[in-house]
């Protein structure tokens, strides 16, 4: 019988990066949704969310705020 494989650091890192990408994608999509819902009021959030479309890491963070 083969021995069961134990904890491998590369597996943990791959799982971490996949979760990070998933969270970033969800945040980016929420940012786009919130930007569309902000119809016509021009303020700092609208500008920041608009920049978040062009700069995806900013959009991912702002989507969760």
Protein backbone atom coordinates (compact mmCIF):
# COMPACT_ATOMS: atom_id res chain seq x y z
CA UNK A 1 0.00 0.00 0.00
CA UNK A 2 1.18 3.53 -0.75
CA UNK A 3 1.62 6.02 2.04
CA UNK A 4 -0.87 8.86 2.11
CA UNK A 5 0.51 12.15 0.87
CA UNK A 6 1.00 14.75 3.58
CA UNK A 7 0.94 18.52 3.66
CA UNK A 8 2.81 20.14 0.79
CA UNK A 9 3.60 23.84 0.84
CA UNK A 10 3.05 24.25 -2.90
CA UNK A 11 -0.51 22.91 -2.58
CA UNK A 12 -1.24 25.42 0.16
CA UNK A 13 0.20 28.27 -1.92
CA UNK A 14 -1.82 27.28 -4.98
CA UNK A 15 -5.00 27.13 -2.88
CA UNK A 16 -4.18 30.53 -1.35
CA UNK A 17 -3.65 32.15 -4.75
CA UNK A 18 -6.86 30.63 -6.13
CA UNK A 19 -8.84 31.97 -3.18
CA UNK A 20 -7.18 35.35 -3.56
CA UNK A 21 -8.08 35.49 -7.28
CA UNK A 22 -11.64 34.42 -6.52
CA UNK A 23 -12.05 37.09 -3.84
CA UNK A 24 -10.56 39.71 -6.17
CA UNK A 25 -12.90 38.72 -8.99
CA UNK A 26 -15.94 38.92 -6.73
CA UNK A 27 -14.83 42.32 -5.42
CA UNK A 28 -14.30 43.59 -8.96
CA UNK A 29 -17.77 42.45 -10.06
CA UNK A 30 -19.37 44.01 -6.99
CA UNK A 31 -17.54 47.24 -7.83
CA UNK A 32 -18.97 47.22 -11.36
CA UNK A 33 -22.47 46.54 -9.97
CA UNK A 34 -22.21 49.39 -7.45
CA UNK A 35 -20.91 51.73 -10.15
CA UNK A 36 -23.89 50.98 -12.37
CA UNK A 37 -26.28 51.50 -9.44
CA UNK A 38 -24.78 54.99 -8.74
CA UNK A 39 -26.81 56.62 -11.47
CA UNK A 40 -26.09 60.31 -11.65
CA UNK A 41 -24.57 61.53 -8.39
CA UNK A 42 -21.02 62.61 -9.14
CA UNK A 43 -18.81 62.31 -6.07
CA UNK A 44 -15.51 60.82 -4.97
CA UNK A 45 -16.87 57.26 -4.83
CA UNK A 46 -18.03 57.44 -8.44
CA UNK A 47 -14.57 58.55 -9.55
CA UNK A 48 -12.87 55.89 -7.41
CA UNK A 49 -15.16 53.14 -8.70
CA UNK A 50 -14.59 54.34 -12.28
CA UNK A 51 -10.84 54.14 -11.75
CA UNK A 52 -11.41 50.69 -10.27
CA UNK A 53 -12.68 49.52 -13.67
CA UNK A 54 -9.38 50.53 -15.28
CA UNK A 55 -7.19 49.43 -12.35
CA UNK A 56 -8.54 45.99 -11.31
CA UNK A 57 -6.79 45.71 -7.90
CA UNK A 58 -8.34 49.02 -6.87
CA UNK A 59 -11.72 47.85 -8.14
CA UNK A 60 -11.44 44.64 -6.14
CA UNK A 61 -10.74 46.52 -2.91
CA UNK A 62 -13.34 49.24 -3.51
CA UNK A 63 -15.94 46.60 -4.36
CA UNK A 64 -15.82 45.32 -0.79
CA UNK A 65 -16.19 48.82 0.73
